[in-house]
Structures are given as C-alpha cells and as structure tokens.
Amino acid sequence: MNEKQIEQEIQAKGLNAPRLTPDLIESVIASEQYWQPEGTTLTVCALALANGTQVVGESACVSPNNFDAEIGRKIARDNAKQKVWALEGYLLKQTLHKNSNDVLPNGLDRYQVGDRVVAIYGAINKSAQGVVEIIRSTQSVGVRLDDGSLWHEHSAHWAKA
C-alpha cells in the first residue's frame, strides 16, 4: 500500500483524531536537491523544510547495471521523507501533550476561554476593560462585567443572561 491508499482507508474508516497526512508532509517540504557522485550508484536527496530544518535520504544500487537515476531519486526522496514523518510526528505529539495541560477541568481550553471573553466583551464595548469575573461551567463560559451585566457563551453563541 502506498501513502495515498493508506490515507483513503483511514478516511473511509472515519479515523479523524489529530494525525499527520501525506499532504501535510508534502506541505512542509520547501525544496529538494539531489546528488549522484560520479562513478557511483549512490543518490542523495536533501529536503529543506519550511522551518529551515534539512533532512537527507539516500539510495544505492548493488549492481551498476541496475542503476537508474530516476529510480534512485525516488527512493532517496522517500527515505528522506520518512524522516520528515518522524519529525512531524514528534512535533504533533508534543503539541498534543502541551495542549492537554492547558485544558480546564470542564474541558474548556484556557486560551479559548480568554479568546471568548475578549471576543464577547469586544463585541459589546470594543474594549476588554471592565471584566470583573469569568465564570466557567461544564456547559459554557460566562463573563460578569463591571456594570453588573452577565454574558454567557453556550454552543458558540453569546447572549446576555
């Protein structure tokens, strides 16, 4: 099975938790360069990633009679790309780990709570001043303003309580 077939099977089974995709891996590759030292069957592929990281893959053929430069490039690129999968996998896992520490007991994300508060208060007054209290429940987030009014968010809609 190739990457695209595996991706199709994952989608067909509805497996939609955070994960890497072939398209994501391709999107972080900014450029590629190849070298094939003269008189060898060695092919080297250097991938430069969008953030400046570089990875290298290689291929070599035992018999010079079987050497094909195009096939060597494909194999070297695939080997380099496997390293990108590993790096991006680590990055995703680390991000998920970090974010799991930012979730409040009721399942709300700390940063989303702050964004919601600023968004609603900005919509009311175009200023984030005057927030006296942030009230969280398992169902929603509420904001008490210094004028005594209470606003709450439920199912992504804000309303005055």
C-alpha atoms as a PDB file:
ATOM      1  CA  MET A   1       0.000   0.000   0.000  1.00  0.00           C
ATOM      2  CA  ASN A   2       1.218   3.493  -0.748  1.00  0.00           C
ATOM      3  CA  GLU A   3       0.594   6.641   1.314  1.00  0.00           C
ATOM      4  CA  LYS A   4      -2.470   7.704  -0.674  1.00  0.00           C
ATOM      5  CA  GLN A   5      -4.121   4.284  -0.342  1.00  0.00           C
ATOM      6  CA  ILE A   6      -3.486   4.257   3.401  1.00  0.00           C
ATOM      7  CA  GLU A   7      -4.909   7.788   3.697  1.00  0.00           C
ATOM      8  CA  GLN A   8      -8.049   6.720   1.801  1.00  0.00           C
ATOM      9  CA  GLU A   9      -8.519   3.751   4.134  1.00  0.00           C
ATOM     10  CA  ILE A  10      -8.075   5.953   7.219  1.00  0.00           C
ATOM     11  CA  GLN A  11     -10.702   8.385   5.898  1.00  0.00           C
ATOM     12  CA  ALA A  12     -13.074   5.567   4.907  1.00  0.00           C
ATOM     13  CA  LYS A  13     -12.921   4.240   8.471  1.00  0.00           C
ATOM     14  CA  GLY A  14     -13.654   7.693   9.909  1.00  0.00           C
ATOM     15  CA  LEU A  15     -10.408   7.851  11.891  1.00  0.00           C
ATOM     16  CA  ASN A  16     -10.238  11.605  12.402  1.00  0.00           C
ATOM     17  CA  ALA A  17      -8.232  12.188  15.556  1.00  0.00           C
ATOM     18  CA  PRO A  18      -5.263  14.551  15.183  1.00  0.00           C
ATOM     19  CA  ARG A  19      -2.793  12.922  12.805  1.00  0.00           C
ATOM     20  CA  LEU A  20      -0.359  13.541  10.022  1.00  0.00           C
ATOM     21  CA  THR A  21      -1.376  13.252   6.386  1.00  0.00           C
ATOM     22  CA  PRO A  22       0.651  12.831   3.206  1.00  0.00           C
ATOM     23  CA  ASP A  23      -0.496  16.299   2.103  1.00  0.00           C
ATOM     24  CA  LEU A  24       0.721  17.845   5.357  1.00  0.00           C
ATOM     25  CA  ILE A  25       4.110  16.163   4.995  1.00  0.00           C
ATOM     26  CA  GLU A  26       4.425  17.424   1.416  1.00  0.00           C
ATOM     27  CA  SER A  27       3.390  20.927   2.503  1.00  0.00           C
ATOM     28  CA  VAL A  28       6.334  21.306   4.899  1.00  0.00           C
ATOM     29  CA  ILE A  29       8.888  20.454   2.200  1.00  0.00           C
ATOM     30  CA  ALA A  30      10.165  23.759   0.818  1.00  0.00           C
ATOM     31  CA  SER A  31      12.779  22.450  -1.626  1.00  0.00           C
ATOM     32  CA  GLU A  32      14.791  19.414  -2.622  1.00  0.00           C
ATOM     33  CA  GLN A  33      18.231  18.819  -4.087  1.00  0.00           C
ATOM     34  CA  TYR A  34      19.863  15.657  -5.429  1.00  0.00           C
ATOM     35  CA  TRP A  35      23.449  14.496  -5.795  1.00  0.00           C
ATOM     36  CA  GLN A  36      24.825  11.458  -7.542  1.00  0.00           C
ATOM     37  CA  PRO A  37      28.588  11.229  -7.171  1.00  0.00           C
ATOM     38  CA  GLU A  38      30.206  10.372 -10.487  1.00  0.00           C
ATOM     39  CA  GLY A  39      31.058   6.708 -10.946  1.00  0.00           C
ATOM     40  CA  THR A  40      28.758   5.507  -8.136  1.00  0.00           C
ATOM     41  CA  THR A  41      25.235   4.186  -7.780  1.00  0.00           C
ATOM     42  CA  LEU A  42      24.675   6.431  -4.754  1.00  0.00           C
ATOM     43  CA  THR A  43      21.908   9.036  -4.899  1.00  0.00           C
ATOM     44  CA  VAL A  44      21.417  11.559  -2.107  1.00  0.00           C
ATOM     45  CA  CYS A  45      18.302  13.697  -1.615  1.00  0.00           C
ATOM     46  CA  ALA A  46      18.338  16.729   0.698  1.00  0.00           C
ATOM     47  CA  LEU A  47      14.939  18.104   1.662  1.00  0.00           C
ATOM     48  CA  ALA A  48      14.765  21.605   3.115  1.00  0.00           C
ATOM     49  CA  LEU A  49      11.681  22.071   5.280  1.00  0.00           C
ATOM     50  CA  ALA A  50       9.690  25.274   5.631  1.00  0.00           C
ATOM     51  CA  ASN A  51      11.225  25.988   9.069  1.00  0.00           C
ATOM     52  CA  GLY A  52      14.799  25.578   7.791  1.00  0.00           C
ATOM     53  CA  THR A  53      15.362  22.012   9.007  1.00  0.00           C
ATOM     54  CA  GLN A  54      17.115  19.785   6.486  1.00  0.00           C
ATOM     55  CA  VAL A  55      16.847  16.030   6.163  1.00  0.00           C
ATOM     56  CA  VAL A  56      18.769  13.653   3.933  1.00  0.00           C
ATOM     57  CA  GLY A  57      17.813  10.365   2.330  1.00  0.00           C
ATOM     58  CA  GLU A  58      19.914   8.125   0.167  1.00  0.00           C
ATOM     59  CA  SER A  59      19.721   5.152  -2.125  1.00  0.00           C
ATOM     60  CA  ALA A  60      22.328   2.954  -3.692  1.00  0.00           C
ATOM     61  CA  CYS A  61      22.201   0.014  -6.007  1.00  0.00           C
ATOM     62  CA  VAL A  62      24.397  -3.039  -5.672  1.00  0.00           C
ATOM     63  CA  SER A  63      24.996  -3.524  -9.382  1.00  0.00           C
ATOM     64  CA  PRO A  64      25.846  -0.582 -11.635  1.00  0.00           C
ATOM     65  CA  ASN A  65      23.976  -2.469 -14.384  1.00  0.00           C
ATOM     66  CA  ASN A  66      20.729  -1.958 -12.449  1.00  0.00           C
ATOM     67  CA  PHE A  67      21.316   1.723 -11.680  1.00  0.00           C
ATOM     68  CA  ASP A  68      18.624   4.130 -12.859  1.00  0.00           C
ATOM     69  CA  ALA A  69      18.989   7.777 -11.793  1.00  0.00           C
ATOM     70  CA  GLU A  70      15.231   8.431 -11.741  1.00  0.00           C
ATOM     71  CA  ILE A  71      14.516   5.409  -9.540  1.00  0.00           C
ATOM     72  CA  GLY A  72      17.448   6.369  -7.298  1.00  0.00           C
ATOM     73  CA  ARG A  73      15.977   9.853  -6.823  1.00  0.00           C
ATOM     74  CA  LYS A  74      12.530   8.449  -5.948  1.00  0.00           C
ATOM     75  CA  ILE A  75      13.968   6.054  -3.370  1.00  0.00           C
ATOM     76  CA  ALA A  76      16.296   8.693  -1.868  1.00  0.00           C
ATOM     77  CA  ARG A  77      13.394  11.177  -1.615  1.00  0.00           C
ATOM     78  CA  ASP A  78      11.122   8.576   0.004  1.00  0.00           C
ATOM     79  CA  ASN A  79      13.863   7.784   2.531  1.00  0.00           C
ATOM     80  CA  ALA A  80      14.288  11.491   3.334  1.00  0.00           C
ATOM     81  CA  LYS A  81      10.513  11.919   3.566  1.00  0.00           C
ATOM     82  CA  GLN A  82      10.306   9.132   6.166  1.00  0.00           C
ATOM     83  CA  LYS A  83      12.478  11.332   8.382  1.00  0.00           C
ATOM     84  CA  VAL A  84      10.029  14.208   7.878  1.00  0.00           C
ATOM     85  CA  TRP A  85       7.192  11.922   9.032  1.00  0.00           C
ATOM     86  CA  ALA A  86       9.160  11.156  12.200  1.00  0.00           C
ATOM     87  CA  LEU A  87       9.928  14.824  12.898  1.00  0.00           C
ATOM     88  CA  GLU A  88       6.367  15.975  12.248  1.00  0.00           C
ATOM     89  CA  GLY A  89       5.012  13.067  14.308  1.00  0.00           C
ATOM     90  CA  TYR A  90       7.124  14.151  17.258  1.00  0.00           C
ATOM     91  CA  LEU A  91       6.002  17.764  16.826  1.00  0.00           C
ATOM     92  CA  LEU A  92       2.313  16.796  16.729  1.00  0.00           C
ATOM     93  CA  LYS A  93       2.652  14.534  19.775  1.00  0.00           C
ATOM     94  CA  GLN A  94       4.475  17.273  21.698  1.00  0.00           C
ATOM     95  CA  THR A  95       1.815  19.831  20.746  1.00  0.00           C
ATOM     96  CA  LEU A  96      -0.985  17.498  21.853  1.00  0.00           C
ATOM     97  CA  HIS A  97       0.855  16.825  25.122  1.00  0.00           C
ATOM     98  CA  LYS A  98       1.370  20.533  25.782  1.00  0.00           C
ATOM     99  CA  ASN A  99      -2.232  21.348  24.925  1.00  0.00           C
ATOM    100  CA  SER A 100      -3.544  18.591  27.195  1.00  0.00           C
ATOM    101  CA  ASN A 101      -2.021  20.548  30.087  1.00  0.00           C
ATOM    102  CA  ASP A 102      -3.967  23.649  29.034  1.00  0.00           C
ATOM    103  CA  VAL A 103      -7.447  22.142  29.386  1.00  0.00           C
ATOM    104  CA  LEU A 104      -9.603  23.176  32.322  1.00  0.00           C
ATOM    105  CA  PRO A 105     -11.408  20.507  34.353  1.00  0.00           C
ATOM    106  CA  ASN A 106     -14.632  21.164  32.437  1.00  0.00           C
ATOM    107  CA  GLY A 107     -12.907  20.508  29.114  1.00  0.00           C
ATOM    108  CA  LEU A 108     -12.556  24.135  28.077  1.00  0.00           C
ATOM    109  CA  ASP A 109      -9.197  25.286  26.837  1.00  0.00           C
ATOM    110  CA  ARG A 110      -7.648  28.107  28.900  1.00  0.00           C
ATOM    111  CA  TYR A 111      -6.724  30.090  25.825  1.00  0.00           C
ATOM    112  CA  GLN A 112     -10.128  29.629  24.206  1.00  0.00           C
ATOM    113  CA  VAL A 113     -11.765  30.940  27.398  1.00  0.00           C
ATOM    114  CA  GLY A 114      -9.663  34.080  27.214  1.00  0.00           C
ATOM    115  CA  ASP A 115     -10.365  34.467  23.498  1.00  0.00           C
ATOM    116  CA  ARG A 116     -14.095  34.073  24.118  1.00  0.00           C
ATOM    117  CA  VAL A 117     -14.046  36.665  26.868  1.00  0.00           C
ATOM    118  CA  VAL A 118     -12.194  39.189  24.754  1.00  0.00           C
ATOM    119  CA  ALA A 119     -14.422  38.446  21.742  1.00  0.00           C
ATOM    120  CA  ILE A 120     -17.696  38.955  23.593  1.00  0.00           C
ATOM    121  CA  TYR A 121     -16.561  41.974  25.520  1.00  0.00           C
ATOM    122  CA  GLY A 122     -15.075  43.464  22.368  1.00  0.00           C
ATOM    123  CA  ALA A 123     -18.397  42.927  20.602  1.00  0.00           C
ATOM    124  CA  ILE A 124     -20.243  44.676  23.433  1.00  0.00           C
ATOM    125  CA  ASN A 125     -17.920  47.559  24.112  1.00  0.00           C
ATOM    126  CA  LYS A 126     -14.923  47.369  21.744  1.00  0.00           C
ATOM    127  CA  SER A 127     -12.756  47.226  24.860  1.00  0.00           C
ATOM    128  CA  ALA A 128     -11.573  44.388  27.054  1.00  0.00           C
ATOM    129  CA  GLN A 129     -11.641  46.523  30.191  1.00  0.00           C
ATOM    130  CA  GLY A 130     -14.317  46.013  32.810  1.00  0.00           C
ATOM    131  CA  VAL A 131     -14.320  42.221  33.040  1.00  0.00           C
ATOM    132  CA  VAL A 132     -14.872  41.533  36.722  1.00  0.00           C
ATOM    133  CA  GLU A 133     -15.313  37.787  36.748  1.00  0.00           C
ATOM    134  CA  ILE A 134     -15.028  34.818  34.424  1.00  0.00           C
ATOM    135  CA  ILE A 135     -17.480  32.047  35.265  1.00  0.00           C
ATOM    136  CA  ARG A 136     -16.953  28.565  33.838  1.00  0.00           C
ATOM    137  CA  SER A 137     -19.285  25.600  33.899  1.00  0.00           C
ATOM    138  CA  THR A 138     -19.324  22.293  32.067  1.00  0.00           C
ATOM    139  CA  GLN A 139     -21.737  23.824  29.554  1.00  0.00           C
ATOM    140  CA  SER A 140     -20.500  27.350  28.975  1.00  0.00           C
ATOM    141  CA  VAL A 141     -18.305  30.305  29.828  1.00  0.00           C
ATOM    142  CA  GLY A 142     -19.721  33.429  31.438  1.00  0.00           C
ATOM    143  CA  VAL A 143     -18.377  36.926  31.915  1.00  0.00           C
ATOM    144  CA  ARG A 144     -19.556  39.377  34.575  1.00  0.00           C
ATOM    145  CA  LEU A 145     -18.829  42.966  33.625  1.00  0.00           C
ATOM    146  CA  ASP A 146     -18.203  45.886  35.961  1.00  0.00           C
ATOM    147  CA  ASP A 147     -21.672  47.266  35.140  1.00  0.00           C
ATOM    148  CA  GLY A 148     -23.150  44.101  36.709  1.00  0.00           C
ATOM    149  CA  SER A 149     -24.329  42.530  33.449  1.00  0.00           C
ATOM    150  CA  LEU A 150     -23.663  38.857  32.881  1.00  0.00           C
ATOM    151  CA  TRP A 151     -22.939  37.440  29.453  1.00  0.00           C
ATOM    152  CA  HIS A 152     -22.519  33.763  28.687  1.00  0.00           C
ATOM    153  CA  GLU A 153     -21.423  31.640  25.780  1.00  0.00           C
ATOM    154  CA  HIS A 154     -23.265  28.439  25.033  1.00  0.00           C
ATOM    155  CA  SER A 155     -22.815  26.424  21.823  1.00  0.00           C
ATOM    156  CA  ALA A 156     -20.646  29.174  20.313  1.00  0.00           C
ATOM    157  CA  HIS A 157     -23.294  31.917  20.775  1.00  0.00           C
ATOM    158  CA  TRP A 158     -23.082  34.764  23.264  1.00  0.00           C
ATOM    159  CA  ALA A 159     -26.165  36.156  24.985  1.00  0.00           C
ATOM    160  CA  LYS A 160     -26.958  38.454  27.868  1.00  0.00           C
ATOM    161  CA  ALA A 161     -28.161  36.438  30.851  1.00  0.00           C
END
